[in-house]
Amino acid sequence: MMKAIFLLAVVVSTTALDLPSNFKTCNNSDPKVLECIADSVKDAVVSLAKGLKSFKILPIEPLAVDSLKIGESQGSVSLKQEYRNVKIHGLTKDLKVYNYQIDWDTLIFTSESFNNQVDFVADYKLDGKILLLPIRGEGKCNISMHNLITKHETHYEKFQKDGETYLRAKKYLVKFIPEHVSLHFGNLFNGDSILGEQMHRFLNENSDLIFKELEAPYEETFGLVFTKLANDIFSRVPMNKIFK
């Protein structure tokens, strides 16, 4: 069971907006339109690093998530996890977007992106077992995904408003494929330096295996965040102003 609460702007306006002037639009008649869209998406995400005041979108570098709770799972990693004051760094830095595809019949958009490093920094609380070893702690943590490939699959639907056609993201699926993951949890075992050092060594020697057990809740969290961001744009700008 996972629950996430986001400190992101809430869209309250029903007035149609134009894309910001620095957002690139693409012509459907262009034989390289999908490459154009991939570049446009990358530029748009990078431009959101400092937020977008006209759309009431807060900065996403870092991206703020108020809290994330993950209930105890069954398997080799059985942990109750609670994260607060989450800051996600690196979503816009050195970003690459590629393999963009659009199925206009099903309104499913797919793509891949690459980041050199994405850091998940938060106040944490853990209690449970990892590969039969007990672990508990409360303090600051940093979970870093290095050379991260992310697969994106967004399911949209069309809707009408004031005579215009818009897109709304119904579901945003995210799949993380990091080359390597590093984990740091401060103040493990109530600050016991010996146990904490031993556990950190164990965690990072087995970080890729451990992350495999934990990635689904993280992917679901990012999917919810990206759904919100997609709708902040698509549900407010008519399709004919995005896709020429």
Protein backbone atom coordinates (compact mmCIF):
# COMPACT_ATOMS: atom_id res chain seq x y z
CA MET A 1 0.00 0.00 0.00
CA MET A 2 1.42 3.35 -1.03
CA LYS A 3 0.17 6.84 -0.38
CA ALA A 4 1.72 10.04 -1.67
CA ILE A 5 0.81 13.67 -1.09
CA PHE A 6 2.22 16.26 -3.46
CA LEU A 7 3.06 19.93 -3.03
CA LEU A 8 2.20 20.78 -6.61
CA ALA A 9 0.07 23.57 -8.04
CA VAL A 10 -3.65 22.86 -8.29
CA VAL A 11 -5.24 23.85 -11.59
CA VAL A 12 -8.32 25.92 -10.83
CA SER A 13 -8.73 27.98 -14.00
CA THR A 14 -11.05 26.82 -16.76
CA THR A 15 -9.83 29.44 -19.24
CA ALA A 16 -7.99 28.18 -22.32
CA LEU A 17 -4.35 29.22 -22.38
CA ASP A 18 -1.70 29.51 -25.05
CA LEU A 19 1.52 27.59 -24.81
CA PRO A 20 4.35 29.71 -23.40
CA SER A 21 6.30 31.36 -26.19
CA ASN A 22 9.41 29.33 -25.37
CA PHE A 23 7.54 26.01 -25.84
CA LYS A 24 8.24 24.54 -29.26
CA THR A 25 5.24 23.38 -31.35
CA CYS A 26 5.46 20.67 -34.01
CA ASN A 27 3.69 20.28 -37.34
CA ASN A 28 2.00 16.92 -37.92
CA SER A 29 2.91 17.12 -41.62
CA ASP A 30 6.62 17.15 -40.76
CA PRO A 31 8.11 13.70 -41.55
CA LYS A 32 10.26 14.11 -38.44
CA VAL A 33 7.39 15.25 -36.24
CA LEU A 34 8.10 12.64 -33.52
CA GLU A 35 11.71 13.80 -33.22
CA CYS A 36 10.41 17.35 -33.00
CA ILE A 37 7.98 16.37 -30.23
CA ALA A 38 10.76 14.60 -28.29
CA ASP A 39 12.87 17.77 -28.45
CA SER A 40 9.86 19.89 -27.52
CA VAL A 41 9.08 17.73 -24.49
CA LYS A 42 12.68 17.89 -23.31
CA ASP A 43 12.78 21.68 -23.68
CA ALA A 44 9.44 22.02 -21.88
CA VAL A 45 10.56 19.89 -18.92
CA VAL A 46 13.84 21.80 -18.65
CA SER A 47 11.95 25.10 -18.75
CA LEU A 48 9.77 23.91 -15.84
CA ALA A 49 12.85 23.71 -13.60
CA LYS A 50 12.02 27.18 -12.29
CA GLY A 51 8.27 26.71 -12.55
CA LEU A 52 5.73 28.29 -14.86
CA LYS A 53 3.92 31.22 -13.25
CA SER A 54 1.27 31.64 -15.96
CA PHE A 55 0.16 28.02 -15.37
CA LYS A 56 0.65 28.18 -11.59
CA ILE A 57 3.18 25.33 -11.81
CA LEU A 58 5.76 25.32 -9.03
CA PRO A 59 9.46 24.68 -9.76
CA ILE A 60 10.34 21.03 -10.40
CA GLU A 61 14.07 21.41 -9.71
CA PRO A 62 13.92 20.11 -7.13
CA LEU A 63 10.47 18.57 -7.26
CA ALA A 64 8.75 18.69 -3.88
CA VAL A 65 6.66 15.81 -2.55
CA ASP A 66 5.12 16.36 0.87
CA SER A 67 5.04 12.74 2.02
CA LEU A 68 5.23 9.17 0.82
CA LYS A 69 4.19 6.12 2.81
CA ILE A 70 4.83 2.54 1.71
CA GLY A 71 3.22 -0.26 3.69
CA GLU A 72 5.04 -3.45 4.58
CA SER A 73 5.42 -5.73 1.57
CA GLN A 74 5.91 -9.45 1.30
CA GLY A 75 9.23 -10.70 -0.08
CA SER A 76 12.95 -10.42 0.51
CA VAL A 77 12.47 -6.73 1.38
CA SER A 78 9.74 -6.29 4.01
CA LEU A 79 9.74 -2.68 5.13
CA LYS A 80 7.38 -0.09 6.47
CA GLN A 81 8.63 3.14 4.92
CA GLU A 82 7.69 6.74 5.55
CA TYR A 83 9.27 9.70 3.78
CA ARG A 84 8.57 13.37 4.44
CA ASN A 85 9.82 16.65 2.98
CA VAL A 86 10.89 14.82 -0.16
CA LYS A 87 13.00 16.67 -2.69
CA ILE A 88 13.75 15.03 -6.04
CA HIS A 89 16.82 16.50 -7.72
CA GLY A 90 18.08 16.01 -11.27
CA LEU A 91 14.90 15.56 -13.31
CA THR A 92 15.82 18.41 -15.67
CA LYS A 93 19.63 18.27 -15.62
CA ASP A 94 21.29 16.76 -18.72
CA LEU A 95 17.88 15.39 -19.75
CA LYS A 96 17.51 13.49 -23.01
CA VAL A 97 14.16 12.43 -24.51
CA TYR A 98 13.97 9.95 -27.40
CA ASN A 99 11.94 7.13 -29.04
CA TYR A 100 8.78 9.22 -28.88
CA GLN A 101 5.75 7.45 -30.34
CA ILE A 102 2.07 8.46 -30.52
CA ASP A 103 -0.84 6.14 -31.28
CA TRP A 104 -3.62 8.56 -32.20
CA ASP A 105 -6.23 5.77 -32.23
CA THR A 106 -5.64 4.75 -28.60
CA LEU A 107 -4.14 8.08 -27.47
CA ILE A 108 -1.19 6.28 -25.90
CA PHE A 109 2.06 8.26 -25.93
CA THR A 110 5.34 6.42 -25.25
CA SER A 111 8.91 7.63 -24.92
CA GLU A 112 12.20 7.11 -23.13
CA SER A 113 14.34 9.59 -21.24
CA PHE A 114 17.83 9.63 -19.76
CA ASN A 115 19.25 11.43 -16.71
CA ASN A 116 22.81 11.16 -15.46
CA GLN A 117 21.59 11.08 -11.86
CA VAL A 118 18.32 11.53 -10.00
CA ASP A 119 18.46 11.98 -6.20
CA PHE A 120 15.56 11.25 -3.86
CA VAL A 121 16.34 13.18 -0.65
CA ALA A 122 13.98 13.07 2.34
CA ASP A 123 13.37 12.66 6.04
CA TYR A 124 12.78 8.94 6.45
CA LYS A 125 11.51 6.35 8.91
CA LEU A 126 12.11 2.64 8.30
CA ASP A 127 11.21 -0.51 10.20
CA GLY A 128 11.39 -4.06 8.89
CA LYS A 129 13.74 -6.56 7.30
CA ILE A 130 15.96 -6.70 4.24
CA LEU A 131 17.01 -10.20 3.19
CA LEU A 132 16.10 -11.42 6.72
CA LEU A 133 18.28 -8.74 8.36
CA PRO A 134 16.41 -6.34 10.67
CA ILE A 135 16.67 -2.64 9.84
CA ARG A 136 15.21 0.41 11.52
CA GLY A 137 16.04 4.07 11.66
CA GLU A 138 14.82 7.63 11.41
CA GLY A 139 16.69 10.59 9.92
CA LYS A 140 17.87 11.88 6.53
CA CYS A 141 18.19 9.68 3.46
CA ASN A 142 19.43 9.93 -0.12
CA ILE A 143 18.53 7.36 -2.76
CA SER A 144 20.42 8.03 -6.00
CA MET A 145 19.70 6.47 -9.39
CA HIS A 146 22.72 6.73 -11.70
CA ASN A 147 22.61 6.75 -15.52
CA LEU A 148 18.86 6.41 -15.34
CA ILE A 149 16.76 5.35 -18.31
CA THR A 150 13.04 5.93 -17.76
CA LYS A 151 10.32 4.44 -19.95
CA HIS A 152 7.16 6.54 -20.15
CA GLU A 153 3.69 5.38 -21.25
CA THR A 154 0.87 7.90 -20.97
CA HIS A 155 -2.79 7.11 -21.63
CA TYR A 156 -4.83 10.15 -22.68
CA GLU A 157 -8.46 10.86 -23.44
CA LYS A 158 -10.03 13.74 -25.35
CA PHE A 159 -12.59 16.09 -23.84
CA GLN A 160 -14.44 19.17 -25.01
CA LYS A 161 -14.52 22.53 -23.25
CA ASP A 162 -15.95 25.77 -24.65
CA GLY A 163 -15.90 24.34 -28.16
CA GLU A 164 -12.23 23.30 -27.98
CA THR A 165 -10.70 19.81 -27.83
CA TYR A 166 -8.21 19.02 -25.08
CA LEU A 167 -6.22 16.01 -23.87
CA ARG A 168 -6.38 14.64 -20.33
CA ALA A 169 -3.87 12.12 -18.95
CA LYS A 170 -5.76 9.21 -17.37
CA LYS A 171 -2.75 7.10 -16.48
CA TYR A 172 1.01 7.62 -16.59
CA LEU A 173 3.15 4.49 -16.32
CA VAL A 174 6.82 4.85 -15.42
CA LYS A 175 9.55 2.20 -15.55
CA PHE A 176 12.98 2.96 -14.06
CA ILE A 177 16.11 1.28 -15.45
CA PRO A 178 19.10 2.67 -13.51
CA GLU A 179 22.60 1.46 -14.26
CA HIS A 180 23.31 1.59 -10.53
CA VAL A 181 21.61 2.71 -7.32
CA SER A 182 23.31 4.05 -4.19
CA LEU A 183 21.55 4.24 -0.82
CA HIS A 184 22.29 6.28 2.27
CA PHE A 185 20.17 6.35 5.44
CA GLY A 186 21.49 8.49 8.27
CA ASN A 187 20.94 7.56 11.92
CA LEU A 188 20.19 3.87 11.39
CA PHE A 189 19.64 1.91 14.59
CA ASN A 190 19.28 5.14 16.57
CA GLY A 191 22.77 6.29 15.63
CA ASP A 192 24.66 3.07 16.45
CA SER A 193 27.72 3.72 14.28
CA ILE A 194 28.88 0.09 14.09
CA LEU A 195 25.50 -1.35 13.14
CA GLY A 196 24.82 1.61 10.85
CA GLU A 197 28.12 1.22 8.99
CA GLN A 198 27.63 -2.53 8.60
CA MET A 199 24.10 -2.05 7.28
CA HIS A 200 25.20 0.66 4.82
CA ARG A 201 27.89 -1.62 3.47
CA PHE A 202 25.33 -4.39 3.09
CA LEU A 203 22.76 -2.05 1.50
CA ASN A 204 25.14 -0.75 -1.14
CA GLU A 205 26.64 -4.15 -1.90
CA ASN A 206 23.10 -5.32 -2.63
CA SER A 207 21.58 -1.99 -3.73
CA ASP A 208 20.44 -3.11 -7.18
CA LEU A 209 18.67 -6.17 -5.76
CA ILE A 210 17.10 -4.11 -2.97
CA PHE A 211 15.94 -1.42 -5.40
CA LYS A 212 14.21 -4.07 -7.53
CA GLU A 213 12.04 -4.83 -4.50
CA LEU A 214 11.27 -1.15 -3.86
CA GLU A 215 11.03 0.35 -7.34
CA ALA A 216 7.30 -0.25 -7.94
CA PRO A 217 6.13 2.23 -5.25
CA TYR A 218 8.68 4.79 -6.44
CA GLU A 219 7.53 4.34 -10.05
CA GLU A 220 3.90 4.75 -8.98
CA THR A 221 4.81 7.96 -7.15
CA PHE A 222 6.57 9.42 -10.19
CA GLY A 223 3.63 8.35 -12.37
CA LEU A 224 1.25 10.37 -10.21
CA VAL A 225 3.59 13.37 -10.31
CA PHE A 226 3.97 13.19 -14.10
CA THR A 227 0.21 12.77 -14.56
CA LYS A 228 -0.31 16.01 -12.64
CA LEU A 229 2.33 17.87 -14.66
CA ALA A 230 1.00 16.58 -17.99
CA ASN A 231 -2.52 17.70 -17.11
CA ASP A 232 -1.32 21.10 -15.94
CA ILE A 233 -0.40 21.68 -19.61
CA PHE A 234 -2.60 19.47 -21.80
CA SER A 235 -5.87 20.06 -19.97
CA ARG A 236 -5.46 23.82 -20.28
CA VAL A 237 -4.11 24.28 -23.82
CA PRO A 238 -6.31 23.15 -26.75
CA MET A 239 -4.89 20.36 -28.91
CA ASN A 240 -4.77 22.57 -31.99
CA LYS A 241 -2.38 24.92 -30.22
CA ILE A 242 0.00 22.06 -29.30
CA PHE A 243 -0.16 19.86 -32.39
CA LYS A 244 -0.32 22.04 -35.48
